[in-house]
Amino acid sequence: MSTPSMAAPHDVDLTHARWRKSSYSGGANDCVEVAELGEHAAVRDSKDIGRRPLLFSKAAMRALVSGIARGSIGERWG
């Protein structure tokens, strides 16, 4: 049985991306922004929006957020 790829292609069109910040952002432009792009999600640094964002499949993004919410990602990495 094969598993679906969790990688996002590098040719995702970001022209019409609608970026949003976390409601936990302090307003000092010091957090990440996320854009939903169909079957993909993009994440960028709000301090440097000129840099190419990281692209994830929605499955990978869900796994990341779920791991953070459960506490299994973050504390170990200090």
Protein backbone atom coordinates (compact mmCIF):
# COMPACT_ATOMS: atom_id res chain seq x y z
CA MET A 1 0.00 0.00 0.00
CA SER A 2 1.43 3.41 -0.93
CA THR A 3 1.12 6.49 1.21
CA PRO A 4 0.20 9.87 -0.28
CA SER A 5 3.01 12.34 -0.77
CA MET A 6 3.12 15.09 1.83
CA ALA A 7 5.40 17.30 -0.26
CA ALA A 8 4.18 20.47 -1.94
CA PRO A 9 5.37 21.33 -5.45
CA HIS A 10 7.69 24.29 -5.90
CA ASP A 11 5.53 25.81 -8.64
CA VAL A 12 2.55 26.79 -6.45
CA ASP A 13 1.20 30.19 -7.55
CA LEU A 14 1.42 32.68 -4.67
CA THR A 15 0.13 35.66 -6.65
CA HIS A 16 -3.30 35.68 -5.02
CA ALA A 17 -2.33 34.23 -1.65
CA ARG A 18 -4.29 35.70 1.27
CA TRP A 19 -1.86 35.77 4.18
CA ARG A 20 -3.08 35.72 7.78
CA LYS A 21 -1.34 36.04 11.12
CA SER A 22 -2.10 34.29 14.35
CA SER A 23 -4.41 36.12 16.72
CA TYR A 24 -1.63 35.52 19.28
CA SER A 25 0.72 37.83 17.36
CA GLY A 26 1.86 40.76 19.47
CA GLY A 27 1.54 43.15 16.54
CA ALA A 28 5.29 43.75 16.39
CA ASN A 29 5.51 41.90 13.07
CA ASP A 30 7.29 39.03 14.82
CA CYS A 31 5.40 35.91 13.85
CA VAL A 32 4.67 33.73 10.88
CA GLU A 33 1.88 34.16 8.36
CA VAL A 34 -0.02 31.33 6.69
CA ALA A 35 -1.87 31.20 3.37
CA GLU A 36 -4.14 28.39 2.21
CA LEU A 37 -3.53 27.52 -1.44
CA GLY A 38 -5.97 24.81 -2.50
CA GLU A 39 -4.30 21.53 -1.59
CA HIS A 40 -1.27 23.33 -0.15
CA ALA A 41 -0.34 25.80 2.55
CA ALA A 42 2.42 28.38 2.58
CA VAL A 43 4.20 29.78 5.65
CA ARG A 44 6.35 32.91 5.68
CA ASP A 45 8.21 35.09 8.17
CA SER A 46 6.23 38.29 8.73
CA LYS A 47 9.48 40.23 9.19
CA ASP A 48 10.84 39.23 5.78
CA ILE A 49 7.93 38.72 3.38
CA GLY A 50 10.24 39.07 0.39
CA ARG A 51 11.76 35.65 1.03
CA ARG A 52 10.21 32.61 -0.61
CA PRO A 53 7.78 30.97 1.85
CA LEU A 54 7.88 27.36 2.92
CA LEU A 55 5.32 25.23 1.07
CA PHE A 56 3.55 22.25 2.60
CA SER A 57 0.83 19.89 1.52
CA LYS A 58 -2.29 20.35 3.65
CA ALA A 59 -1.66 16.89 5.14
CA ALA A 60 1.83 17.94 6.26
CA MET A 61 0.51 21.22 7.67
CA ARG A 62 -2.20 19.40 9.64
CA ALA A 63 0.42 16.99 11.02
CA LEU A 64 2.66 19.89 12.06
CA VAL A 65 -0.09 21.87 13.78
CA SER A 66 -1.48 18.74 15.44
CA GLY A 67 1.97 17.82 16.78
CA ILE A 68 2.47 21.31 18.18
CA ALA A 69 -0.99 21.30 19.80
CA ARG A 70 -0.31 17.88 21.41
CA GLY A 71 3.04 19.10 22.71
CA SER A 72 5.01 16.48 20.83
CA ILE A 73 6.76 19.18 18.78
CA GLY A 74 8.51 22.13 20.34
CA GLU A 75 9.66 21.41 23.88
CA ARG A 76 12.35 18.94 22.83
CA TRP A 77 13.84 21.39 20.40
CA GLY A 78 14.19 24.02 23.09
